[in-house]
Amino acid sequence: MWYQILPGYCLIAVCLGLPGWGLYHLHNVVLGNHYRRSMLDRWDRMLYQRDTRLTGDGYKILGLENIPDK
């Protein structure tokens, strides 16, 4: 029957979702925030500085509504 596929589906969903969920919390323990941002190249450093300048925190997720209109 159709319900016999549910245990396998749940197992696959958990196996695919567990690494992302685990890294989210591991970054909080190791880095002190939930989001990892590497500063390996100039572009990433520029984006981090821009986010820090606009929002006060480089790790805060904010959208276009927080950029002031001129």
PDB file of N, CA and C in Angstrom:
ATOM      1  N   MET A   1       0.828  -1.178   0.000  1.00  0.00           N
ATOM      2  CA  MET A   1       0.000   0.000   0.000  1.00  0.00           C
ATOM      3  C   MET A   1       0.880   1.251   0.000  1.00  0.00           C
ATOM      4  N   TRP A   2       0.234   2.388  -0.156  1.00  0.00           N
ATOM      5  CA  TRP A   2       0.964   3.647  -0.271  1.00  0.00           C
ATOM      6  C   TRP A   2       1.674   4.033   1.027  1.00  0.00           C
ATOM      7  N   TYR A   3       1.163   3.636   2.172  1.00  0.00           N
ATOM      8  CA  TYR A   3       1.733   4.037   3.457  1.00  0.00           C
ATOM      9  C   TYR A   3       3.026   3.291   3.785  1.00  0.00           C
ATOM     10  N   GLN A   4       3.353   2.264   3.025  1.00  0.00           N
ATOM     11  CA  GLN A   4       4.579   1.519   3.287  1.00  0.00           C
ATOM     12  C   GLN A   4       5.823   2.306   2.874  1.00  0.00           C
ATOM     13  N   ILE A   5       5.650   3.330   2.085  1.00  0.00           N
ATOM     14  CA  ILE A   5       6.790   4.140   1.674  1.00  0.00           C
ATOM     15  C   ILE A   5       7.132   5.213   2.715  1.00  0.00           C
ATOM     16  N   LEU A   6       6.243   5.512   3.648  1.00  0.00           N
ATOM     17  CA  LEU A   6       6.463   6.573   4.624  1.00  0.00           C
ATOM     18  C   LEU A   6       7.693   6.380   5.509  1.00  0.00           C
ATOM     19  N   PRO A   7       7.994   5.193   6.049  1.00  0.00           N
ATOM     20  CA  PRO A   7       9.212   5.060   6.858  1.00  0.00           C
ATOM     21  C   PRO A   7      10.493   5.340   6.064  1.00  0.00           C
ATOM     22  N   GLY A   8      10.543   4.845   4.847  1.00  0.00           N
ATOM     23  CA  GLY A   8      11.712   5.116   4.014  1.00  0.00           C
ATOM     24  C   GLY A   8      11.835   6.583   3.654  1.00  0.00           C
ATOM     25  N   TYR A   9      10.718   7.221   3.366  1.00  0.00           N
ATOM     26  CA  TYR A   9      10.711   8.646   3.047  1.00  0.00           C
ATOM     27  C   TYR A   9      11.174   9.469   4.248  1.00  0.00           C
ATOM     28  N   CYS A  10      10.688   9.136   5.429  1.00  0.00           N
ATOM     29  CA  CYS A  10      11.096   9.853   6.639  1.00  0.00           C
ATOM     30  C   CYS A  10      12.580   9.663   6.920  1.00  0.00           C
ATOM     31  N   LEU A  11      13.076   8.468   6.722  1.00  0.00           N
ATOM     32  CA  LEU A  11      14.497   8.199   6.942  1.00  0.00           C
ATOM     33  C   LEU A  11      15.367   9.013   5.979  1.00  0.00           C
ATOM     34  N   ILE A  12      15.005   9.060   4.728  1.00  0.00           N
ATOM     35  CA  ILE A  12      15.765   9.834   3.739  1.00  0.00           C
ATOM     36  C   ILE A  12      15.679  11.318   4.057  1.00  0.00           C
ATOM     37  N   ALA A  13      14.512  11.813   4.441  1.00  0.00           N
ATOM     38  CA  ALA A  13      14.358  13.233   4.775  1.00  0.00           C
ATOM     39  C   ALA A  13      15.215  13.610   5.981  1.00  0.00           C
ATOM     40  N   VAL A  14      15.263  12.764   6.982  1.00  0.00           N
ATOM     41  CA  VAL A  14      16.084  13.036   8.169  1.00  0.00           C
ATOM     42  C   VAL A  14      17.562  12.993   7.808  1.00  0.00           C
ATOM     43  N   CYS A  15      17.977  12.036   7.015  1.00  0.00           N
ATOM     44  CA  CYS A  15      19.392  11.933   6.633  1.00  0.00           C
ATOM     45  C   CYS A  15      19.841  13.121   5.785  1.00  0.00           C
ATOM     46  N   LEU A  16      18.957  13.669   4.984  1.00  0.00           N
ATOM     47  CA  LEU A  16      19.320  14.833   4.179  1.00  0.00           C
ATOM     48  C   LEU A  16      19.258  16.128   4.981  1.00  0.00           C
ATOM     49  N   GLY A  17      18.393  16.225   5.956  1.00  0.00           N
ATOM     50  CA  GLY A  17      18.231  17.452   6.719  1.00  0.00           C
ATOM     51  C   GLY A  17      19.152  17.572   7.919  1.00  0.00           C
ATOM     52  N   LEU A  18      19.632  16.468   8.441  1.00  0.00           N
ATOM     53  CA  LEU A  18      20.448  16.475   9.648  1.00  0.00           C
ATOM     54  C   LEU A  18      21.763  17.236   9.491  1.00  0.00           C
ATOM     55  N   PRO A  19      22.520  17.102   8.408  1.00  0.00           N
ATOM     56  CA  PRO A  19      23.776  17.855   8.298  1.00  0.00           C
ATOM     57  C   PRO A  19      23.568  19.374   8.312  1.00  0.00           C
ATOM     58  N   GLY A  20      22.586  19.874   7.620  1.00  0.00           N
ATOM     59  CA  GLY A  20      22.334  21.313   7.622  1.00  0.00           C
ATOM     60  C   GLY A  20      21.895  21.814   8.969  1.00  0.00           C
ATOM     61  N   TRP A  21      21.037  21.075   9.625  1.00  0.00           N
ATOM     62  CA  TRP A  21      20.584  21.451  10.954  1.00  0.00           C
ATOM     63  C   TRP A  21      21.738  21.412  11.949  1.00  0.00           C
ATOM     64  N   GLY A  22      22.577  20.383  11.841  1.00  0.00           N
ATOM     65  CA  GLY A  22      23.714  20.249  12.759  1.00  0.00           C
ATOM     66  C   GLY A  22      24.740  21.350  12.564  1.00  0.00           C
ATOM     67  N   LEU A  23      25.036  21.710  11.316  1.00  0.00           N
ATOM     68  CA  LEU A  23      26.002  22.775  11.063  1.00  0.00           C
ATOM     69  C   LEU A  23      25.484  24.123  11.544  1.00  0.00           C
ATOM     70  N   TYR A  24      24.193  24.338  11.444  1.00  0.00           N
ATOM     71  CA  TYR A  24      23.601  25.584  11.926  1.00  0.00           C
ATOM     72  C   TYR A  24      23.914  25.768  13.415  1.00  0.00           C
ATOM     73  N   HIS A  25      23.750  24.721  14.205  1.00  0.00           N
ATOM     74  CA  HIS A  25      23.997  24.817  15.635  1.00  0.00           C
ATOM     75  C   HIS A  25      25.486  24.708  15.958  1.00  0.00           C
ATOM     76  N   LEU A  26      26.242  23.985  15.166  1.00  0.00           N
ATOM     77  CA  LEU A  26      27.692  23.903  15.383  1.00  0.00           C
ATOM     78  C   LEU A  26      28.355  25.258  15.157  1.00  0.00           C
ATOM     79  N   HIS A  27      27.904  26.001  14.156  1.00  0.00           N
ATOM     80  CA  HIS A  27      28.452  27.336  13.930  1.00  0.00           C
ATOM     81  C   HIS A  27      28.131  28.254  15.111  1.00  0.00           C
ATOM     82  N   ASN A  28      26.993  28.080  15.739  1.00  0.00           N
ATOM     83  CA  ASN A  28      26.662  28.885  16.908  1.00  0.00           C
ATOM     84  C   ASN A  28      27.616  28.579  18.058  1.00  0.00           C
ATOM     85  N   VAL A  29      27.962  27.320  18.249  1.00  0.00           N
ATOM     86  CA  VAL A  29      28.850  26.940  19.343  1.00  0.00           C
ATOM     87  C   VAL A  29      30.278  27.411  19.062  1.00  0.00           C
ATOM     88  N   VAL A  30      30.762  27.218  17.838  1.00  0.00           N
ATOM     89  CA  VAL A  30      32.155  27.507  17.518  1.00  0.00           C
ATOM     90  C   VAL A  30      32.376  28.984  17.215  1.00  0.00           C
ATOM     91  N   LEU A  31      31.532  29.580  16.382  1.00  0.00           N
ATOM     92  CA  LEU A  31      31.754  30.942  15.917  1.00  0.00           C
ATOM     93  C   LEU A  31      30.978  31.992  16.705  1.00  0.00           C
ATOM     94  N   GLY A  32      29.997  31.586  17.468  1.00  0.00           N
ATOM     95  CA  GLY A  32      29.202  32.533  18.223  1.00  0.00           C
ATOM     96  C   GLY A  32      28.030  33.099  17.443  1.00  0.00           C
ATOM     97  N   ASN A  33      27.803  32.627  16.235  1.00  0.00           N
ATOM     98  CA  ASN A  33      26.634  33.039  15.448  1.00  0.00           C
ATOM     99  C   ASN A  33      26.199  31.848  14.606  1.00  0.00           C
ATOM    100  N   HIS A  34      25.008  31.928  14.081  1.00  0.00           N
ATOM    101  CA  HIS A  34      24.478  30.780  13.342  1.00  0.00           C
ATOM    102  C   HIS A  34      24.918  30.750  11.886  1.00  0.00           C
ATOM    103  N   TYR A  35      25.482  31.830  11.398  1.00  0.00           N
ATOM    104  CA  TYR A  35      25.779  31.918   9.976  1.00  0.00           C
ATOM    105  C   TYR A  35      27.278  32.018   9.772  1.00  0.00           C
ATOM    106  N   ARG A  36      27.819  31.168   8.945  1.00  0.00           N
ATOM    107  CA  ARG A  36      29.253  31.189   8.667  1.00  0.00           C
ATOM    108  C   ARG A  36      29.498  32.096   7.484  1.00  0.00           C
ATOM    109  N   ARG A  37      30.413  33.020   7.660  1.00  0.00           N
ATOM    110  CA  ARG A  37      30.814  33.888   6.555  1.00  0.00           C
ATOM    111  C   ARG A  37      32.316  33.836   6.475  1.00  0.00           C
ATOM    112  N   SER A  38      32.829  33.394   5.363  1.00  0.00           N
ATOM    113  CA  SER A  38      34.274  33.325   5.206  1.00  0.00           C
ATOM    114  C   SER A  38      34.784  34.649   4.656  1.00  0.00           C
ATOM    115  N   MET A  39      35.954  35.020   5.074  1.00  0.00           N
ATOM    116  CA  MET A  39      36.569  36.269   4.618  1.00  0.00           C
ATOM    117  C   MET A  39      37.807  35.942   3.771  1.00  0.00           C
ATOM    118  N   LEU A  40      37.686  34.940   2.936  1.00  0.00           N
ATOM    119  CA  LEU A  40      38.843  34.497   2.176  1.00  0.00           C
ATOM    120  C   LEU A  40      39.179  35.401   1.000  1.00  0.00           C
ATOM    121  N   ASP A  41      38.197  35.977   0.374  1.00  0.00           N
ATOM    122  CA  ASP A  41      38.499  36.841  -0.755  1.00  0.00           C
ATOM    123  C   ASP A  41      37.925  38.237  -0.538  1.00  0.00           C
ATOM    124  N   ARG A  42      38.361  39.148  -1.366  1.00  0.00           N
ATOM    125  CA  ARG A  42      38.038  40.565  -1.207  1.00  0.00           C
ATOM    126  C   ARG A  42      36.538  40.828  -1.306  1.00  0.00           C
ATOM    127  N   TRP A  43      35.855  40.120  -2.176  1.00  0.00           N
ATOM    128  CA  TRP A  43      34.428  40.335  -2.380  1.00  0.00           C
ATOM    129  C   TRP A  43      33.635  40.042  -1.102  1.00  0.00           C
ATOM    130  N   ASP A  44      33.955  38.949  -0.425  1.00  0.00           N
ATOM    131  CA  ASP A  44      33.258  38.601   0.811  1.00  0.00           C
ATOM    132  C   ASP A  44      33.527  39.630   1.905  1.00  0.00           C
ATOM    133  N   ARG A  45      34.762  40.125   1.986  1.00  0.00           N
ATOM    134  CA  ARG A  45      35.075  41.159   2.971  1.00  0.00           C
ATOM    135  C   ARG A  45      34.313  42.443   2.692  1.00  0.00           C
ATOM    136  N   MET A  46      34.190  42.795   1.420  1.00  0.00           N
ATOM    137  CA  MET A  46      33.442  43.997   1.060  1.00  0.00           C
ATOM    138  C   MET A  46      31.964  43.849   1.421  1.00  0.00           C
ATOM    139  N   LEU A  47      31.385  42.689   1.167  1.00  0.00           N
ATOM    140  CA  LEU A  47      29.981  42.461   1.510  1.00  0.00           C
ATOM    141  C   LEU A  47      29.764  42.492   3.018  1.00  0.00           C
ATOM    142  N   TYR A  48      30.710  41.941   3.767  1.00  0.00           N
ATOM    143  CA  TYR A  48      30.599  41.965   5.220  1.00  0.00           C
ATOM    144  C   TYR A  48      30.673  43.403   5.733  1.00  0.00           C
ATOM    145  N   GLN A  49      31.592  44.186   5.197  1.00  0.00           N
ATOM    146  CA  GLN A  49      31.709  45.584   5.615  1.00  0.00           C
ATOM    147  C   GLN A  49      30.454  46.374   5.241  1.00  0.00           C
ATOM    148  N   ARG A  50      29.881  46.101   4.086  1.00  0.00           N
ATOM    149  CA  ARG A  50      28.658  46.767   3.673  1.00  0.00           C
ATOM    150  C   ARG A  50      27.509  46.435   4.618  1.00  0.00           C
ATOM    151  N   ASP A  51      27.361  45.151   4.956  1.00  0.00           N
ATOM    152  CA  ASP A  51      26.294  44.748   5.866  1.00  0.00           C
ATOM    153  C   ASP A  51      26.490  45.350   7.250  1.00  0.00           C
ATOM    154  N   THR A  52      27.730  45.424   7.701  1.00  0.00           N
ATOM    155  CA  THR A  52      28.006  46.030   8.999  1.00  0.00           C
ATOM    156  C   THR A  52      27.686  47.512   8.981  1.00  0.00           C
ATOM    157  N   ARG A  53      28.013  48.175   7.900  1.00  0.00           N
ATOM    158  CA  ARG A  53      27.744  49.602   7.794  1.00  0.00           C
ATOM    159  C   ARG A  53      26.240  49.885   7.738  1.00  0.00           C
ATOM    160  N   LEU A  54      25.492  49.082   6.999  1.00  0.00           N
ATOM    161  CA  LEU A  54      24.067  49.338   6.823  1.00  0.00           C
ATOM    162  C   LEU A  54      23.224  48.921   8.021  1.00  0.00           C
ATOM    163  N   THR A  55      23.567  47.810   8.661  1.00  0.00           N
ATOM    164  CA  THR A  55      22.707  47.274   9.711  1.00  0.00           C
ATOM    165  C   THR A  55      23.341  47.296  11.091  1.00  0.00           C
ATOM    166  N   GLY A  56      24.641  47.500  11.180  1.00  0.00           N
ATOM    167  CA  GLY A  56      25.308  47.472  12.477  1.00  0.00           C
ATOM    168  C   GLY A  56      25.784  46.094  12.875  1.00  0.00           C
ATOM    169  N   ASP A  57      25.362  45.075  12.163  1.00  0.00           N
ATOM    170  CA  ASP A  57      25.765  43.704  12.462  1.00  0.00           C
ATOM    171  C   ASP A  57      25.890  42.955  11.150  1.00  0.00           C
ATOM    172  N   GLY A  58      27.053  42.402  10.873  1.00  0.00           N
ATOM    173  CA  GLY A  58      27.284  41.722   9.613  1.00  0.00           C
ATOM    174  C   GLY A  58      26.561  40.400   9.471  1.00  0.00           C
ATOM    175  N   TYR A  59      26.048  39.877  10.572  1.00  0.00           N
ATOM    176  CA  TYR A  59      25.391  38.581  10.538  1.00  0.00           C
ATOM    177  C   TYR A  59      23.879  38.678  10.614  1.00  0.00           C
ATOM    178  N   LYS A  60      23.348  39.871  10.785  1.00  0.00           N
ATOM    179  CA  LYS A  60      21.907  40.042  10.865  1.00  0.00           C
ATOM    180  C   LYS A  60      21.316  39.972   9.462  1.00  0.00           C
ATOM    181  N   ILE A  61      20.294  39.164   9.284  1.00  0.00           N
ATOM    182  CA  ILE A  61      19.678  39.012   7.971  1.00  0.00           C
ATOM    183  C   ILE A  61      18.560  40.042   7.847  1.00  0.00           C
ATOM    184  N   LEU A  62      18.793  41.029   7.020  1.00  0.00           N
ATOM    185  CA  LEU A  62      17.823  42.076   6.793  1.00  0.00           C
ATOM    186  C   LEU A  62      17.660  42.277   5.291  1.00  0.00           C
ATOM    187  N   GLY A  63      16.530  42.792   4.912  1.00  0.00           N
ATOM    188  CA  GLY A  63      16.260  42.967   3.491  1.00  0.00           C
ATOM    189  C   GLY A  63      16.379  44.412   3.045  1.00  0.00           C
ATOM    190  N   LEU A  64      15.852  44.691   1.876  1.00  0.00           N
ATOM    191  CA  LEU A  64      15.939  46.024   1.303  1.00  0.00           C
ATOM    192  C   LEU A  64      15.149  47.063   2.085  1.00  0.00           C
ATOM    193  N   GLU A  65      14.217  46.625   2.902  1.00  0.00           N
ATOM    194  CA  GLU A  65      13.407  47.587   3.655  1.00  0.00           C
ATOM    195  C   GLU A  65      14.233  48.348   4.692  1.00  0.00           C
ATOM    196  N   ASN A  66      15.419  47.867   5.019  1.00  0.00           N
ATOM    197  CA  ASN A  66      16.238  48.531   6.020  1.00  0.00           C
ATOM    198  C   ASN A  66      17.280  49.469   5.426  1.00  0.00           C
ATOM    199  N   ILE A  67      17.362  49.553   4.120  1.00  0.00           N
ATOM    200  CA  ILE A  67      18.271  50.509   3.483  1.00  0.00           C
ATOM    201  C   ILE A  67      17.507  51.816   3.362  1.00  0.00           C
ATOM    202  N   PRO A  68      18.061  52.907   3.914  1.00  0.00           N
ATOM    203  CA  PRO A  68      17.316  54.153   3.911  1.00  0.00           C
ATOM    204  C   PRO A  68      17.159  54.732   2.507  1.00  0.00           C
ATOM    205  N   ASP A  69      16.000  55.321   2.243  1.00  0.00           N
ATOM    206  CA  ASP A  69      15.763  56.016   0.980  1.00  0.00           C
ATOM    207  C   ASP A  69      16.401  57.390   1.055  1.00  0.00           C
ATOM    208  N   LYS A  70      16.833  57.883  -0.094  1.00  0.00           N
ATOM    209  CA  LYS A  70      17.480  59.209  -0.098  1.00  0.00           C
ATOM    210  C   LYS A  70      16.527  60.273  -0.517  1.00  0.00           C
TER     211      LYS A  70
END
